[in-house]
């Protein structure tokens, strides 16, 4: 019921909330589309593909052994998901945190005139 997010006695800026939500949505979309691409292109069960995809995005290092049975496209897709999982969220956070240069507030100077 509060207008602001409070966590551990501190107020969390709305910009931080929006940024983290955007990163989470990007990761979920990539997981969904990566999993769908693997399901369409590979002969594997849904639960195995889902596990491999989430493991790759999370850079967990776990596998059910299905990665070795993937063809070249599947291995490239899993590798790309691993790369995004390692670099993507940080890069997305940096990309989303960049603001325009006009938002910088400089101190006011008092000058003697005349």
N, C-alpha and C. Protein backbone atom coordinates (compact mmCIF):
# COMPACT_ATOMS: atom_id res chain seq x y z
N UNK A 1 0.80 -1.20 0.00
CA UNK A 1 0.00 0.00 0.00
C UNK A 1 0.84 1.26 0.00
N UNK A 2 2.13 1.14 -0.15
CA UNK A 2 2.98 2.33 -0.17
C UNK A 2 3.20 2.81 -1.60
N UNK A 3 3.45 4.09 -1.72
CA UNK A 3 3.72 4.66 -3.04
C UNK A 3 5.14 4.34 -3.50
N UNK A 4 6.04 4.07 -2.56
CA UNK A 4 7.44 3.78 -2.89
C UNK A 4 7.79 2.38 -2.41
N UNK A 5 8.81 1.81 -3.04
CA UNK A 5 9.28 0.49 -2.65
C UNK A 5 10.29 0.66 -1.52
N UNK A 6 10.06 -0.06 -0.42
CA UNK A 6 10.95 0.00 0.74
C UNK A 6 11.49 -1.40 0.98
N UNK A 7 12.82 -1.49 1.07
CA UNK A 7 13.46 -2.79 1.29
C UNK A 7 14.57 -2.62 2.31
N UNK A 8 14.50 -3.38 3.38
CA UNK A 8 15.50 -3.34 4.46
C UNK A 8 15.64 -1.92 5.03
N UNK A 9 14.53 -1.23 5.14
CA UNK A 9 14.55 0.11 5.72
C UNK A 9 15.04 1.19 4.79
N UNK A 10 15.23 0.87 3.53
CA UNK A 10 15.69 1.85 2.54
C UNK A 10 14.68 1.96 1.41
N UNK A 11 14.58 3.13 0.83
CA UNK A 11 13.71 3.33 -0.32
C UNK A 11 14.48 3.00 -1.59
N UNK A 12 13.86 2.20 -2.44
CA UNK A 12 14.46 1.82 -3.71
C UNK A 12 13.88 2.73 -4.79
N UNK A 13 14.76 3.33 -5.58
CA UNK A 13 14.32 4.26 -6.62
C UNK A 13 13.49 3.53 -7.67
N UNK A 14 12.48 4.21 -8.18
CA UNK A 14 11.63 3.62 -9.21
C UNK A 14 12.42 3.29 -10.46
N UNK A 15 13.44 4.08 -10.77
CA UNK A 15 14.28 3.80 -11.93
C UNK A 15 14.95 2.44 -11.80
N UNK A 16 15.40 2.10 -10.60
CA UNK A 16 16.02 0.80 -10.36
C UNK A 16 15.01 -0.32 -10.51
N UNK A 17 13.80 -0.11 -10.05
CA UNK A 17 12.75 -1.11 -10.19
C UNK A 17 12.44 -1.35 -11.66
N UNK A 18 12.28 -0.28 -12.42
CA UNK A 18 11.99 -0.40 -13.85
C UNK A 18 13.12 -1.08 -14.60
N UNK A 19 14.35 -0.73 -14.27
CA UNK A 19 15.51 -1.32 -14.93
C UNK A 19 15.59 -2.82 -14.66
N UNK A 20 15.38 -3.21 -13.41
CA UNK A 20 15.45 -4.64 -13.08
C UNK A 20 14.30 -5.41 -13.72
N UNK A 21 13.13 -4.80 -13.80
CA UNK A 21 11.99 -5.46 -14.46
C UNK A 21 12.27 -5.63 -15.96
N UNK A 22 12.88 -4.63 -16.58
CA UNK A 22 13.21 -4.72 -18.00
C UNK A 22 14.23 -5.82 -18.25
N UNK A 23 15.22 -5.96 -17.40
CA UNK A 23 16.22 -7.00 -17.56
C UNK A 23 15.59 -8.38 -17.37
N UNK A 24 14.71 -8.51 -16.39
CA UNK A 24 14.02 -9.78 -16.17
C UNK A 24 13.15 -10.16 -17.36
N UNK A 25 12.44 -9.19 -17.92
CA UNK A 25 11.59 -9.47 -19.08
C UNK A 25 12.44 -9.87 -20.28
N UNK A 26 13.57 -9.18 -20.50
CA UNK A 26 14.47 -9.55 -21.59
C UNK A 26 14.98 -10.98 -21.43
N UNK A 27 15.36 -11.35 -20.22
CA UNK A 27 15.86 -12.70 -19.97
C UNK A 27 14.76 -13.73 -20.18
N UNK A 28 13.54 -13.45 -19.73
CA UNK A 28 12.43 -14.38 -19.93
C UNK A 28 12.09 -14.55 -21.41
N UNK A 29 12.09 -13.44 -22.14
CA UNK A 29 11.81 -13.53 -23.58
C UNK A 29 12.87 -14.33 -24.31
N UNK A 30 14.13 -14.09 -23.97
CA UNK A 30 15.21 -14.84 -24.61
C UNK A 30 15.14 -16.32 -24.25
N UNK A 31 14.79 -16.62 -23.01
CA UNK A 31 14.63 -18.01 -22.60
C UNK A 31 13.50 -18.67 -23.37
N UNK A 32 12.39 -17.96 -23.52
CA UNK A 32 11.25 -18.50 -24.25
C UNK A 32 11.59 -18.75 -25.71
N UNK A 33 12.13 -17.74 -26.39
CA UNK A 33 12.42 -17.89 -27.81
C UNK A 33 13.58 -18.85 -28.07
N UNK A 34 14.57 -18.86 -27.20
CA UNK A 34 15.66 -19.83 -27.33
C UNK A 34 15.17 -21.25 -27.13
N UNK A 35 14.32 -21.45 -26.14
CA UNK A 35 13.74 -22.78 -25.91
C UNK A 35 12.87 -23.23 -27.07
N UNK A 36 12.07 -22.30 -27.61
CA UNK A 36 11.22 -22.65 -28.74
C UNK A 36 12.06 -23.01 -29.97
N UNK A 37 13.14 -22.27 -30.20
CA UNK A 37 14.02 -22.56 -31.33
C UNK A 37 14.64 -23.95 -31.18
N UNK A 38 15.03 -24.30 -29.96
CA UNK A 38 15.59 -25.63 -29.74
C UNK A 38 14.54 -26.72 -29.87
N UNK A 39 13.33 -26.45 -29.39
CA UNK A 39 12.26 -27.45 -29.52
C UNK A 39 11.92 -27.75 -30.97
N UNK A 40 11.91 -26.69 -31.79
CA UNK A 40 11.56 -26.86 -33.19
C UNK A 40 12.67 -27.57 -33.96
N UNK A 41 13.92 -27.25 -33.63
CA UNK A 41 15.03 -27.75 -34.44
C UNK A 41 15.63 -29.07 -33.94
N UNK A 42 15.36 -29.45 -32.71
CA UNK A 42 16.00 -30.64 -32.14
C UNK A 42 14.97 -31.72 -31.82
N UNK A 43 15.44 -32.93 -31.75
CA UNK A 43 14.60 -34.07 -31.35
C UNK A 43 14.84 -34.36 -29.88
N UNK A 44 14.23 -33.55 -29.02
CA UNK A 44 14.40 -33.71 -27.58
C UNK A 44 13.08 -33.41 -26.89
N UNK A 45 12.94 -33.94 -25.68
CA UNK A 45 11.72 -33.71 -24.91
C UNK A 45 11.68 -32.27 -24.38
N UNK A 46 10.47 -31.81 -24.09
CA UNK A 46 10.28 -30.44 -23.62
C UNK A 46 11.02 -30.17 -22.32
N UNK A 47 10.92 -31.07 -21.36
CA UNK A 47 11.55 -30.83 -20.06
C UNK A 47 13.08 -30.78 -20.17
N UNK A 48 13.64 -31.58 -21.06
CA UNK A 48 15.10 -31.57 -21.25
C UNK A 48 15.54 -30.26 -21.89
N UNK A 49 14.80 -29.82 -22.92
CA UNK A 49 15.14 -28.56 -23.59
C UNK A 49 14.98 -27.39 -22.64
N UNK A 50 13.92 -27.40 -21.85
CA UNK A 50 13.70 -26.31 -20.87
C UNK A 50 14.83 -26.26 -19.85
N UNK A 51 15.23 -27.44 -19.35
CA UNK A 51 16.32 -27.49 -18.38
C UNK A 51 17.62 -26.96 -18.98
N UNK A 52 17.94 -27.40 -20.19
CA UNK A 52 19.18 -26.97 -20.84
C UNK A 52 19.16 -25.46 -21.11
N UNK A 53 18.00 -24.94 -21.53
CA UNK A 53 17.89 -23.51 -21.84
C UNK A 53 18.04 -22.66 -20.58
N UNK A 54 17.33 -23.02 -19.53
CA UNK A 54 17.41 -22.25 -18.29
C UNK A 54 18.80 -22.37 -17.67
N UNK A 55 19.40 -23.54 -17.77
CA UNK A 55 20.75 -23.73 -17.27
C UNK A 55 21.75 -22.88 -18.05
N UNK A 56 21.55 -22.76 -19.36
CA UNK A 56 22.46 -21.95 -20.17
C UNK A 56 22.29 -20.47 -19.85
N UNK A 57 21.05 -19.99 -19.74
CA UNK A 57 20.82 -18.58 -19.42
C UNK A 57 21.36 -18.24 -18.04
N UNK A 58 21.17 -19.15 -17.09
CA UNK A 58 21.64 -18.92 -15.73
C UNK A 58 23.11 -19.19 -15.54
N UNK A 59 23.80 -19.65 -16.57
CA UNK A 59 25.21 -20.05 -16.51
C UNK A 59 25.49 -20.90 -15.27
N UNK A 60 24.64 -21.91 -15.09
CA UNK A 60 24.71 -22.78 -13.92
C UNK A 60 25.78 -23.84 -14.08
N UNK A 61 25.94 -24.35 -15.30
CA UNK A 61 26.92 -25.39 -15.55
C UNK A 61 26.34 -26.79 -15.42
N UNK A 62 25.04 -26.90 -15.23
CA UNK A 62 24.40 -28.21 -15.14
C UNK A 62 23.84 -28.61 -16.50
N UNK A 63 23.79 -29.91 -16.73
CA UNK A 63 23.26 -30.42 -17.98
C UNK A 63 22.70 -31.81 -17.75
N UNK A 64 21.72 -32.16 -18.55
CA UNK A 64 21.17 -33.51 -18.52
C UNK A 64 21.84 -34.40 -19.56
N UNK A 65 22.88 -33.90 -20.19
CA UNK A 65 23.59 -34.66 -21.20
C UNK A 65 23.04 -34.45 -22.60
N UNK A 66 22.04 -33.61 -22.74
CA UNK A 66 21.43 -33.40 -24.05
C UNK A 66 22.27 -32.47 -24.92
N UNK A 67 23.12 -31.67 -24.33
CA UNK A 67 23.92 -30.74 -25.12
C UNK A 67 24.84 -31.48 -26.08
N UNK A 68 25.38 -32.59 -25.65
CA UNK A 68 26.27 -33.38 -26.51
C UNK A 68 25.53 -33.99 -27.69
N UNK A 69 24.22 -34.15 -27.57
CA UNK A 69 23.44 -34.77 -28.64
C UNK A 69 22.84 -33.75 -29.60
N UNK A 70 23.07 -32.47 -29.37
CA UNK A 70 22.53 -31.43 -30.25
C UNK A 70 23.32 -31.36 -31.54
N UNK A 71 22.66 -30.90 -32.60
CA UNK A 71 23.39 -30.66 -33.85
C UNK A 71 24.09 -29.31 -33.77
N UNK A 72 24.67 -28.87 -34.87
CA UNK A 72 25.46 -27.63 -34.87
C UNK A 72 24.61 -26.42 -34.49
N UNK A 73 23.39 -26.33 -35.03
CA UNK A 73 22.52 -25.20 -34.68
C UNK A 73 22.20 -25.18 -33.19
N UNK A 74 21.89 -26.35 -32.64
CA UNK A 74 21.57 -26.44 -31.22
C UNK A 74 22.73 -26.04 -30.33
N UNK A 75 23.93 -26.46 -30.71
CA UNK A 75 25.11 -26.10 -29.91
C UNK A 75 25.40 -24.61 -30.00
N UNK A 76 25.21 -24.03 -31.18
CA UNK A 76 25.40 -22.58 -31.33
C UNK A 76 24.35 -21.83 -30.52
N UNK A 77 23.11 -22.33 -30.55
CA UNK A 77 22.04 -21.67 -29.78
C UNK A 77 22.32 -21.73 -28.29
N UNK A 78 22.73 -22.89 -27.79
CA UNK A 78 23.06 -23.02 -26.36
C UNK A 78 24.25 -22.13 -26.02
N UNK A 79 25.24 -22.07 -26.89
CA UNK A 79 26.40 -21.19 -26.66
C UNK A 79 26.00 -19.73 -26.61
N UNK A 80 25.09 -19.32 -27.51
CA UNK A 80 24.62 -17.94 -27.50
C UNK A 80 23.83 -17.63 -26.23
N UNK A 81 23.03 -18.58 -25.78
CA UNK A 81 22.29 -18.39 -24.53
C UNK A 81 23.24 -18.28 -23.34
N UNK A 82 24.30 -19.08 -23.35
CA UNK A 82 25.30 -18.98 -22.28
C UNK A 82 26.00 -17.63 -22.30
N UNK A 83 26.33 -17.17 -23.50
CA UNK A 83 26.98 -15.87 -23.63
C UNK A 83 26.07 -14.75 -23.12
N UNK A 84 24.79 -14.79 -23.51
CA UNK A 84 23.86 -13.78 -23.01
C UNK A 84 23.72 -13.87 -21.50
N UNK A 85 23.66 -15.09 -20.99
CA UNK A 85 23.52 -15.26 -19.54
C UNK A 85 24.70 -14.69 -18.78
N UNK A 86 25.86 -14.75 -19.37
CA UNK A 86 27.05 -14.24 -18.69
C UNK A 86 27.22 -12.74 -18.90
N UNK A 87 27.02 -12.27 -20.10
CA UNK A 87 27.30 -10.87 -20.43
C UNK A 87 26.02 -10.05 -20.56
N UNK A 88 24.95 -10.68 -21.00
CA UNK A 88 23.73 -9.97 -21.35
C UNK A 88 23.09 -9.13 -20.27
N UNK A 89 22.80 -9.68 -19.09
CA UNK A 89 22.14 -8.86 -18.08
C UNK A 89 22.96 -7.64 -17.66
N UNK A 90 24.27 -7.82 -17.55
CA UNK A 90 25.12 -6.68 -17.21
C UNK A 90 25.11 -5.65 -18.32
N UNK A 91 25.24 -6.10 -19.56
CA UNK A 91 25.20 -5.17 -20.68
C UNK A 91 23.85 -4.48 -20.81
N UNK A 92 22.79 -5.24 -20.59
CA UNK A 92 21.45 -4.64 -20.64
C UNK A 92 21.28 -3.61 -19.54
N UNK A 93 21.79 -3.91 -18.36
CA UNK A 93 21.70 -2.94 -17.26
C UNK A 93 22.47 -1.67 -17.59
N UNK A 94 23.66 -1.82 -18.16
CA UNK A 94 24.43 -0.63 -18.53
C UNK A 94 23.76 0.15 -19.65
N UNK A 95 23.18 -0.57 -20.60
CA UNK A 95 22.48 0.08 -21.70
C UNK A 95 21.27 0.85 -21.20
N UNK A 96 20.51 0.23 -20.29
CA UNK A 96 19.32 0.88 -19.77
C UNK A 96 19.64 2.01 -18.80
N UNK A 97 20.82 1.98 -18.18
CA UNK A 97 21.16 3.02 -17.21
C UNK A 97 21.67 4.29 -17.87
N UNK A 98 22.02 4.19 -19.14
CA UNK A 98 22.51 5.38 -19.83
C UNK A 98 21.37 6.35 -20.06
N UNK A 99 21.54 7.53 -19.56
CA UNK A 99 20.53 8.56 -19.75
C UNK A 99 21.03 9.58 -20.75
N UNK A 100 20.20 10.54 -21.03
CA UNK A 100 20.64 11.61 -21.92
C UNK A 100 21.53 12.57 -21.13
N UNK A 101 22.39 13.23 -21.81
CA UNK A 101 23.31 14.17 -21.16
C UNK A 101 22.60 15.38 -20.57
N UNK A 102 21.35 15.60 -20.95
CA UNK A 102 20.61 16.76 -20.47
C UNK A 102 20.12 16.60 -19.04
N UNK A 103 20.23 15.42 -18.45
CA UNK A 103 19.71 15.22 -17.11
C UNK A 103 20.71 15.61 -16.03
N UNK A 104 21.90 16.02 -16.41
CA UNK A 104 22.91 16.41 -15.44
C UNK A 104 22.59 17.82 -14.93
N UNK A 105 22.54 17.94 -13.62
CA UNK A 105 22.27 19.23 -12.99
C UNK A 105 23.59 19.79 -12.47
N UNK A 106 24.01 20.92 -13.00
CA UNK A 106 25.26 21.53 -12.57
C UNK A 106 24.99 22.58 -11.50
N UNK A 107 25.96 22.81 -10.63
CA UNK A 107 25.73 23.80 -9.57
C UNK A 107 25.62 25.21 -10.15
N UNK A 108 24.87 26.02 -9.48
CA UNK A 108 24.66 27.40 -9.91
C UNK A 108 25.82 28.26 -9.43
N UNK A 109 26.32 29.10 -10.30
CA UNK A 109 27.43 29.99 -9.94
C UNK A 109 26.89 31.40 -9.71
N UNK A 110 27.39 32.02 -8.68
CA UNK A 110 27.03 33.42 -8.41
C UNK A 110 28.17 34.29 -8.91
N UNK A 111 27.82 35.20 -9.80
CA UNK A 111 28.84 36.07 -10.40
C UNK A 111 28.46 37.51 -10.15
N UNK A 112 29.48 38.32 -10.00
CA UNK A 112 29.23 39.75 -9.87
C UNK A 112 29.12 40.35 -11.26
N UNK A 113 28.08 41.06 -11.47
CA UNK A 113 27.85 41.69 -12.75
C UNK A 113 27.75 43.19 -12.52
N UNK A 114 28.53 43.96 -13.30
CA UNK A 114 28.42 45.41 -13.27
C UNK A 114 29.20 46.06 -12.26
